[in-house]
Amino acid sequence: MKRAILLQIEPTGRKAAMLAEFGESAISEFNLMLSEREGCKRIGEFHHKVCHPSKDRTHFNIQIVTSLIRDAWKKKCDKVERLTIKFNVPRNCKTFSTKSLDFVELGIRPRDRIAVPIVENRNWQRYNALLADGWECKTYGLTSELQIVAYLSKEETPIPQRKSVLGIDFNAKNIAVTVLSPQNKVLRQLYFGKRIWVRRKQVMERRALLQSYGNDKALRRQKTYERNFVDTNLGQTVAEIMRLALEYDADIAIENLKRFKPRGRRFNKTVMRMPFRKFREILASRCFDRNVTLNIVDSWHTSKYCSHCGAVAGNGHSSGNYALFGCKGCGVQMNSDRNASRNIALKCLLERKDSLDRKPFQISNRGGLVNDLGLSDESGLLVAVQHSNHLDGKPTGFSRG
């Protein structure tokens, strides 16, 4: 598990000028490396081409040059204006403490090190708490704003499986959550994130008005406000989800959303604005802190399965109402997001090892499951597990007749 914390520093005027000059030189050298990538098919060729000329021009430590080369090879743009320069511990960077302050020492050039004090704010307290909890910091970064980024890491340990499963369906307008017991009994169903969609809609209307006026400064403020608002509310939502998971002794399951197929300008814009990646990063970090297993299940037909009888219900929605799920097999109707979140939790339950040791399925005349859990594939075969390893676009699983 990896994590990054931003630490504020207070260099003197002379040291701040030296760091600013070093940062400008690094950005200039980085852009030059970007322009020299053409013709290189592998990173080894690129490294051999630019390493020694860059070392002679800048006189940076070889570790800094190597880090710039590696980041330049991965970068997809042709020019950058900001850059985070990385320093490895203990060869090129170290930390030490005095009676009153903590310092970070950066090795810019051979025999040229700069020690700057760290501001003892909340991030500094959190940084020390993580170090005391077993996290390690082997790399520090210097940003263009003259701040230090501490990159921490910690090995993941096996987590015991919890009793229930909490399924999360993330979509554009809300986050649906369903807690399932091992017997497929719904323990709790909730919605989160509604205020994010409402506020973002208001911000979009405001930005459209400012764009018509050509007010670029106000547009940038609105963009920053929207990003901060979304990040804050996602963190609060994850905190509520973690509280539910601990209350019901449940593991967490979320689907593996992949690149979508373009369907139109409005649909593409709505989907691209979904902060799913940010939500998943925060959720993974909190699960690691609270010793809760985060299961990533396949997204195959999570919105089309009927969570009542396990059948595939056509396109998964009732005619004329996208928010309502209707099953043609058993006739049940429910909210689409709730149905999807329940299916995600159900898939996680079915993929557990103990599900393979259960008794054979008993199915009622209406197609409902009597004594076990199950989902059916498109051909109608009832299967116990819908795995993510599809062959030729078809799901594979452990079937029972």
Protein backbone atom coordinates (compact mmCIF):
# COMPACT_ATOMS: atom_id res chain seq x y z
CA MET A 1 0.00 0.00 0.00
CA LYS A 2 1.29 3.45 -0.89
CA ARG A 3 0.41 6.90 0.35
CA ALA A 4 1.68 10.47 -0.16
CA ILE A 5 1.60 13.32 2.38
CA LEU A 6 2.41 16.95 1.61
CA LEU A 7 4.76 18.53 4.16
CA GLN A 8 5.22 22.28 4.33
CA ILE A 9 8.76 23.62 4.77
CA GLU A 10 10.13 26.99 5.90
CA PRO A 11 13.47 27.61 4.16
CA THR A 12 15.42 30.79 4.67
CA GLY A 13 15.59 33.34 1.85
CA ARG A 14 18.90 32.04 0.59
CA LYS A 15 17.84 28.38 0.68
CA ALA A 16 14.50 29.20 -0.95
CA ALA A 17 16.33 30.91 -3.81
CA MET A 18 18.63 27.91 -4.23
CA LEU A 19 15.69 25.48 -4.28
CA ALA A 20 13.76 27.67 -6.75
CA GLU A 21 16.78 27.83 -9.07
CA PHE A 22 17.22 24.07 -8.79
CA GLY A 23 13.53 23.53 -9.61
CA GLU A 24 13.66 25.75 -12.69
CA SER A 25 16.78 23.94 -13.94
CA ALA A 26 15.09 20.57 -13.39
CA ILE A 27 11.95 21.62 -15.30
CA SER A 28 14.06 22.94 -18.18
CA GLU A 29 16.07 19.71 -18.31
CA PHE A 30 12.89 17.63 -18.08
CA ASN A 31 11.34 19.43 -21.06
CA LEU A 32 14.55 18.89 -23.01
CA MET A 33 14.34 15.17 -22.24
CA LEU A 34 10.76 15.11 -23.47
CA SER A 35 11.85 16.57 -26.80
CA GLU A 36 14.51 13.85 -27.20
CA ARG A 37 12.21 10.84 -26.80
CA GLU A 38 11.56 10.60 -30.54
CA GLY A 39 13.22 7.58 -32.11
CA CYS A 40 13.60 5.66 -28.82
CA LYS A 41 11.59 2.46 -28.67
CA ARG A 42 12.63 1.38 -25.17
CA ILE A 43 13.50 3.16 -21.98
CA GLY A 44 17.00 1.67 -22.12
CA GLU A 45 17.69 3.43 -25.42
CA PHE A 46 16.26 6.67 -24.06
CA HIS A 47 18.37 6.42 -20.90
CA HIS A 48 21.55 5.78 -22.89
CA LYS A 49 20.76 8.77 -25.14
CA VAL A 50 20.13 11.46 -22.51
CA CYS A 51 21.80 10.34 -19.26
CA HIS A 52 25.41 11.50 -19.71
CA PRO A 53 24.58 14.75 -21.61
CA SER A 54 22.08 15.65 -18.89
CA LYS A 55 24.59 14.90 -16.13
CA ASP A 56 27.17 17.14 -17.81
CA ARG A 57 24.70 20.02 -18.33
CA THR A 58 23.12 20.10 -14.88
CA HIS A 59 25.70 18.47 -12.58
CA PHE A 60 22.77 16.92 -10.66
CA ASN A 61 23.21 13.78 -8.64
CA ILE A 62 22.86 10.71 -10.84
CA GLN A 63 19.82 9.56 -8.85
CA ILE A 64 17.96 12.78 -9.74
CA VAL A 65 18.91 12.46 -13.41
CA THR A 66 17.74 8.83 -13.47
CA SER A 67 14.45 9.78 -11.81
CA LEU A 68 13.86 12.55 -14.36
CA ILE A 69 14.56 10.14 -17.22
CA ARG A 70 12.12 7.58 -15.86
CA ASP A 71 9.35 10.16 -15.36
CA ALA A 72 10.00 11.72 -18.79
CA TRP A 73 9.62 8.33 -20.47
CA LYS A 74 6.24 7.79 -18.82
CA LYS A 75 4.96 11.31 -19.50
CA LYS A 76 2.53 11.61 -22.41
CA CYS A 77 2.81 15.37 -22.99
CA ASP A 78 5.58 17.31 -24.72
CA LYS A 79 6.07 20.07 -22.11
CA VAL A 80 5.43 20.62 -18.40
CA GLU A 81 5.29 23.75 -16.26
CA ARG A 82 5.37 22.03 -12.86
CA LEU A 83 7.40 19.09 -11.67
CA THR A 84 7.98 17.07 -8.51
CA ILE A 85 11.65 16.07 -8.22
CA LYS A 86 12.22 12.86 -6.27
CA PHE A 87 15.04 12.13 -3.82
CA ASN A 88 15.82 8.63 -2.57
CA VAL A 89 16.64 7.73 1.03
CA PRO A 90 19.36 7.42 2.31
CA ARG A 91 21.59 8.02 -0.71
CA ASN A 92 20.28 11.41 -1.74
CA CYS A 93 18.00 12.48 1.09
CA LYS A 94 17.63 12.06 4.84
CA THR A 95 15.73 13.46 7.80
CA PHE A 96 17.03 14.46 11.21
CA SER A 97 15.71 16.19 14.31
CA THR A 98 16.95 18.79 16.72
CA LYS A 99 15.52 19.77 20.09
CA SER A 100 12.84 21.96 18.51
CA LEU A 101 12.53 21.15 14.80
CA ASP A 102 12.53 18.33 12.27
CA PHE A 103 14.59 18.77 9.12
CA VAL A 104 14.70 17.18 5.67
CA GLU A 105 18.03 17.31 3.86
CA LEU A 106 18.05 17.20 0.06
CA GLY A 107 21.11 16.30 -1.97
CA ILE A 108 20.83 18.52 -5.05
CA ARG A 109 24.35 18.04 -6.37
CA PRO A 110 27.35 16.03 -5.18
CA ARG A 111 28.62 17.61 -1.96
CA ASP A 112 25.78 20.13 -2.11
CA ARG A 113 23.00 19.44 0.40
CA ILE A 114 20.25 21.75 1.66
CA ALA A 115 18.57 21.16 5.03
CA VAL A 116 15.18 22.85 5.52
CA PRO A 117 12.87 22.75 8.58
CA ILE A 118 9.43 21.12 8.36
CA VAL A 119 6.37 23.04 9.58
CA GLU A 120 4.74 21.17 12.49
CA ASN A 121 1.15 21.26 11.22
CA ARG A 122 -1.52 18.52 11.01
CA ASN A 123 0.12 16.87 8.03
CA TRP A 124 3.37 16.65 9.98
CA GLN A 125 1.52 15.02 12.90
CA ARG A 126 -0.17 12.56 10.55
CA TYR A 127 3.18 11.79 8.92
CA ASN A 128 4.76 10.93 12.28
CA ALA A 129 1.72 8.86 13.28
CA LEU A 130 2.04 6.76 10.11
CA LEU A 131 5.75 6.23 10.72
CA ALA A 132 4.95 5.05 14.25
CA ASP A 133 2.34 2.67 12.78
CA GLY A 134 4.90 0.83 10.67
CA TRP A 135 4.89 2.88 7.45
CA GLU A 136 8.22 3.54 5.72
CA CYS A 137 9.32 6.55 3.69
CA LYS A 138 12.05 5.79 1.16
CA THR A 139 11.39 8.67 -1.24
CA TYR A 140 10.77 12.40 -0.82
CA GLY A 141 9.73 14.84 -3.53
CA LEU A 142 10.26 18.58 -3.97
CA THR A 143 7.34 20.33 -5.68
CA SER A 144 7.44 23.52 -7.76
CA GLU A 145 5.75 25.33 -4.82
CA LEU A 146 8.73 24.41 -2.59
CA GLN A 147 6.90 21.81 -0.54
CA ILE A 148 7.97 18.30 0.36
CA VAL A 149 5.99 15.20 -0.64
CA ALA A 150 6.64 12.17 1.54
CA TYR A 151 5.93 8.89 -0.31
CA LEU A 152 5.15 6.22 2.28
CA SER A 153 4.63 2.49 1.81
CA LYS A 154 3.57 -0.46 3.93
CA GLU A 155 3.29 -4.15 3.17
CA GLU A 156 -0.20 -5.60 3.09
CA THR A 157 -0.95 -8.39 5.53
CA PRO A 158 -3.67 -11.07 5.21
CA ILE A 159 -6.99 -9.85 6.62
CA PRO A 160 -9.50 -12.35 8.08
CA GLN A 161 -12.74 -12.63 6.14
CA ARG A 162 -15.71 -10.89 7.71
CA LYS A 163 -19.19 -12.33 7.99
CA SER A 164 -21.24 -10.12 5.64
CA VAL A 165 -20.57 -8.16 2.43
CA LEU A 166 -21.26 -4.51 1.66
CA GLY A 167 -21.80 -3.90 -2.06
CA ILE A 168 -21.28 -0.45 -3.62
CA ASP A 169 -22.75 0.69 -6.94
CA PHE A 170 -21.08 3.95 -8.03
CA ASN A 171 -22.90 5.98 -10.67
CA ALA A 172 -23.25 9.57 -11.84
CA LYS A 173 -26.02 10.69 -9.45
CA ASN A 174 -25.51 8.71 -6.25
CA ILE A 175 -23.70 5.86 -4.53
CA ALA A 176 -25.97 2.93 -3.66
CA VAL A 177 -24.93 0.66 -0.79
CA THR A 178 -26.36 -2.74 0.17
CA VAL A 179 -25.28 -4.93 3.08
CA LEU A 180 -25.92 -8.65 2.55
CA SER A 181 -25.70 -11.47 5.06
CA PRO A 182 -24.19 -14.85 4.03
CA GLN A 183 -27.78 -16.09 3.55
CA ASN A 184 -28.51 -13.35 0.95
CA LYS A 185 -30.59 -11.35 3.43
CA VAL A 186 -30.56 -7.58 3.02
CA LEU A 187 -29.39 -6.03 6.27
CA ARG A 188 -29.23 -2.38 5.15
CA GLN A 189 -29.67 -0.32 1.99
CA LEU A 190 -28.67 3.34 1.71
CA TYR A 191 -27.81 6.08 -0.78
CA PHE A 192 -24.87 8.46 -0.53
CA GLY A 193 -23.42 11.27 -2.61
CA LYS A 194 -26.65 12.95 -3.75
CA ARG A 195 -25.44 16.39 -2.71
CA ILE A 196 -22.34 15.96 -4.88
CA TRP A 197 -24.48 15.70 -8.01
CA VAL A 198 -26.72 18.64 -6.99
CA ARG A 199 -23.79 20.93 -6.21
CA ARG A 200 -21.84 19.93 -9.34
CA LYS A 201 -24.90 20.72 -11.46
CA GLN A 202 -25.05 24.17 -9.90
CA VAL A 203 -21.32 24.67 -10.50
CA MET A 204 -21.72 23.60 -14.15
CA GLU A 205 -24.44 26.20 -14.67
CA ARG A 206 -22.29 28.83 -12.98
CA ARG A 207 -19.26 27.95 -15.11
CA ALA A 208 -21.32 28.10 -18.31
CA LEU A 209 -22.41 31.64 -17.37
CA LEU A 210 -18.86 32.73 -16.52
CA GLN A 211 -17.56 31.21 -19.75
CA SER A 212 -20.04 33.28 -21.74
CA TYR A 213 -18.64 36.39 -20.02
CA GLY A 214 -15.05 35.30 -20.64
CA ASN A 215 -14.09 35.52 -16.95
CA ASP A 216 -11.13 33.13 -16.84
CA LYS A 217 -10.10 34.00 -13.27
CA ALA A 218 -13.55 33.20 -11.88
CA LEU A 219 -13.64 29.99 -13.94
CA ARG A 220 -10.41 28.82 -12.30
CA ARG A 221 -11.84 29.58 -8.85
CA GLN A 222 -14.97 27.59 -9.64
CA LYS A 223 -12.88 24.66 -10.86
CA THR A 224 -10.84 24.65 -7.63
CA TYR A 225 -14.00 24.93 -5.54
CA GLU A 226 -15.63 22.03 -7.35
CA ARG A 227 -12.58 19.79 -6.95
CA ASN A 228 -12.27 20.55 -3.23
CA PHE A 229 -16.01 20.06 -2.67
CA VAL A 230 -16.02 16.68 -4.43
CA ASP A 231 -12.90 15.44 -2.60
CA THR A 232 -14.31 16.48 0.79
CA ASN A 233 -17.69 14.83 0.23
CA LEU A 234 -16.12 11.67 -1.14
CA GLY A 235 -14.05 11.42 2.04
CA GLN A 236 -17.16 11.89 4.17
CA THR A 237 -19.03 9.26 2.15
CA VAL A 238 -16.20 6.75 2.54
CA ALA A 239 -16.20 7.42 6.30
CA GLU A 240 -19.93 6.57 6.47
CA ILE A 241 -19.41 3.43 4.39
CA MET A 242 -16.59 2.31 6.70
CA ARG A 243 -18.83 2.88 9.71
CA LEU A 244 -21.50 0.63 8.16
CA ALA A 245 -18.95 -2.05 7.28
CA LEU A 246 -17.65 -2.20 10.85
CA GLU A 247 -21.15 -2.08 12.32
CA TYR A 248 -22.34 -5.08 10.29
CA ASP A 249 -18.95 -6.87 10.27
CA ALA A 250 -18.83 -6.77 6.47
CA ASP A 251 -16.19 -6.86 3.77
CA ILE A 252 -16.60 -4.27 1.01
CA ALA A 253 -17.17 -5.11 -2.66
CA ILE A 254 -17.00 -2.72 -5.61
CA GLU A 255 -17.16 -3.44 -9.31
CA ASN A 256 -14.22 -3.07 -11.65
CA LEU A 257 -15.37 -0.31 -13.98
CA LYS A 258 -13.41 -0.31 -17.23
CA ARG A 259 -13.20 2.04 -20.19
CA PHE A 260 -16.69 2.64 -21.57
CA LYS A 261 -17.82 2.78 -25.16
CA PRO A 262 -18.77 6.29 -26.40
CA ARG A 263 -22.54 6.64 -26.81
CA GLY A 264 -23.01 10.34 -27.39
CA ARG A 265 -21.83 13.72 -26.19
CA ARG A 266 -24.17 13.98 -23.20
CA PHE A 267 -23.56 10.42 -22.02
CA ASN A 268 -19.80 10.73 -22.42
CA LYS A 269 -19.72 14.00 -20.50
CA THR A 270 -21.78 12.53 -17.65
CA VAL A 271 -19.65 9.40 -17.33
CA MET A 272 -16.33 11.20 -17.63
CA ARG A 273 -17.29 13.47 -14.71
CA MET A 274 -17.83 10.53 -12.38
CA PRO A 275 -15.04 10.69 -9.72
CA PHE A 276 -14.85 6.89 -9.50
CA ARG A 277 -11.05 6.67 -9.50
CA LYS A 278 -10.73 9.17 -6.64
CA PHE A 279 -13.46 7.39 -4.69
CA ARG A 280 -11.77 4.01 -5.16
CA GLU A 281 -8.39 5.38 -4.02
CA ILE A 282 -9.86 6.85 -0.83
CA LEU A 283 -11.86 3.68 -0.16
CA ALA A 284 -8.81 1.43 -0.62
CA SER A 285 -6.77 3.60 1.73
CA ARG A 286 -9.43 3.56 4.46
CA CYS A 287 -10.00 -0.18 4.11
CA PHE A 288 -6.27 -0.73 4.58
CA ASP A 289 -6.28 1.42 7.73
CA ARG A 290 -9.31 -0.33 9.28
CA ASN A 291 -8.37 -3.90 8.28
CA VAL A 292 -11.38 -4.34 5.98
CA THR A 293 -11.01 -6.40 2.80
CA LEU A 294 -11.83 -4.53 -0.43
CA ASN A 295 -13.04 -7.01 -3.07
CA ILE A 296 -13.02 -6.01 -6.74
CA VAL A 297 -15.71 -7.99 -8.58
CA ASP A 298 -16.38 -8.19 -12.28
CA SER A 299 -18.89 -5.70 -13.70
CA TRP A 300 -20.49 -8.31 -15.99
CA HIS A 301 -24.25 -7.65 -16.01
CA THR A 302 -24.39 -6.18 -12.50
CA SER A 303 -27.25 -3.92 -13.64
CA LYS A 304 -29.04 -6.65 -15.63
CA TYR A 305 -29.20 -9.49 -13.12
CA CYS A 306 -32.33 -9.79 -11.03
CA SER A 307 -31.22 -9.92 -7.42
CA HIS A 308 -34.46 -11.74 -6.55
CA CYS A 309 -34.37 -14.73 -8.92
CA GLY A 310 -30.94 -14.45 -10.54
CA ALA A 311 -32.18 -14.18 -14.14
CA VAL A 312 -30.86 -11.80 -16.79
CA ALA A 313 -33.60 -9.20 -17.27
CA GLY A 314 -33.03 -7.96 -20.82
CA ASN A 315 -31.60 -4.45 -20.77
CA GLY A 316 -32.06 -4.29 -16.99
CA HIS A 317 -34.54 -1.39 -16.94
CA SER A 318 -38.29 -1.01 -17.15
CA SER A 319 -39.60 0.54 -20.34
CA GLY A 320 -39.52 4.33 -20.17
CA ASN A 321 -37.94 4.50 -16.70
CA TYR A 322 -34.16 4.15 -16.44
CA ALA A 323 -34.21 4.33 -12.64
CA LEU A 324 -36.54 1.33 -12.28
CA PHE A 325 -35.42 -2.27 -12.72
CA GLY A 326 -37.98 -4.80 -13.94
CA CYS A 327 -37.53 -8.55 -14.22
CA LYS A 328 -39.54 -10.38 -16.88
CA GLY A 329 -38.95 -13.71 -15.15
CA CYS A 330 -40.32 -13.18 -11.65
CA GLY A 331 -41.98 -9.78 -12.21
CA VAL A 332 -40.18 -7.98 -9.39
CA GLN A 333 -39.56 -4.24 -9.70
CA MET A 334 -37.04 -2.23 -7.70
CA ASN A 335 -34.66 0.69 -7.94
CA SER A 336 -31.90 0.00 -10.48
CA ASP A 337 -29.08 1.25 -8.25
CA ARG A 338 -30.22 -0.86 -5.30
CA ASN A 339 -30.45 -3.91 -7.53
CA ALA A 340 -26.94 -3.32 -8.88
CA SER A 341 -25.41 -2.82 -5.42
CA ARG A 342 -27.07 -6.00 -4.21
CA ASN A 343 -25.74 -7.93 -7.22
CA ILE A 344 -22.22 -6.66 -6.51
CA ALA A 345 -22.45 -7.90 -2.93
CA LEU A 346 -23.96 -11.17 -4.17
CA LYS A 347 -21.09 -11.76 -6.59
CA CYS A 348 -18.61 -11.24 -3.77
CA LEU A 349 -20.49 -13.79 -1.63
CA LEU A 350 -20.53 -16.31 -4.47
CA GLU A 351 -16.81 -15.97 -5.08
CA ARG A 352 -15.95 -16.93 -1.52
CA LYS A 353 -14.42 -20.35 -1.04
CA ASP A 354 -17.10 -21.54 1.36
CA SER A 355 -19.80 -21.02 -1.30
CA LEU A 356 -18.45 -24.02 -3.24
CA ASP A 357 -19.29 -26.34 -0.34
CA ARG A 358 -23.00 -25.55 -0.18
CA LYS A 359 -25.87 -27.84 -1.08
CA PRO A 360 -27.29 -27.98 -4.64
CA PHE A 361 -29.72 -25.28 -5.70
CA GLN A 362 -33.44 -25.61 -5.09
CA ILE A 363 -35.49 -23.42 -7.45
CA SER A 364 -39.16 -22.53 -7.05
CA ASN A 365 -41.75 -22.64 -9.84
CA ARG A 366 -41.37 -18.86 -10.30
CA GLY A 367 -37.63 -19.21 -10.81
CA GLY A 368 -36.55 -17.97 -7.37
CA LEU A 369 -33.77 -19.56 -5.32
CA VAL A 370 -34.99 -21.40 -2.22
CA ASN A 371 -31.87 -22.46 -0.31
CA ASP A 372 -28.81 -20.85 -1.90
CA LEU A 373 -27.35 -17.99 -3.89
CA GLY A 374 -26.98 -17.92 -7.65
CA LEU A 375 -26.95 -16.00 -10.90
CA SER A 376 -27.71 -17.22 -14.39
CA ASP A 377 -25.79 -16.61 -17.58
CA GLU A 378 -27.36 -15.43 -20.85
CA SER A 379 -28.26 -18.98 -21.86
CA GLY A 380 -30.26 -19.49 -18.65
CA LEU A 381 -27.76 -21.84 -16.95
CA LEU A 382 -27.67 -21.21 -13.21
CA VAL A 383 -24.10 -20.69 -12.03
CA ALA A 384 -22.64 -20.07 -8.61
CA VAL A 385 -19.85 -17.68 -9.53
CA GLN A 386 -19.48 -15.06 -12.25
CA HIS A 387 -15.72 -14.71 -12.49
CA SER A 388 -13.80 -11.86 -14.07
CA ASN A 389 -11.84 -14.22 -16.35
CA HIS A 390 -14.19 -14.25 -19.34
CA LEU A 391 -13.39 -16.34 -22.37
CA ASP A 392 -14.49 -14.91 -25.73
CA GLY A 393 -16.76 -12.45 -23.98
CA LYS A 394 -18.71 -15.16 -22.10
CA PRO A 395 -18.65 -15.58 -18.31
CA THR A 396 -17.31 -18.77 -16.82
CA GLY A 397 -18.24 -20.16 -13.44
CA PHE A 398 -18.89 -23.12 -11.25
CA SER A 399 -22.27 -24.44 -12.37
CA ARG A 400 -24.78 -26.56 -10.57
CA GLY A 401 -27.79 -28.16 -12.09
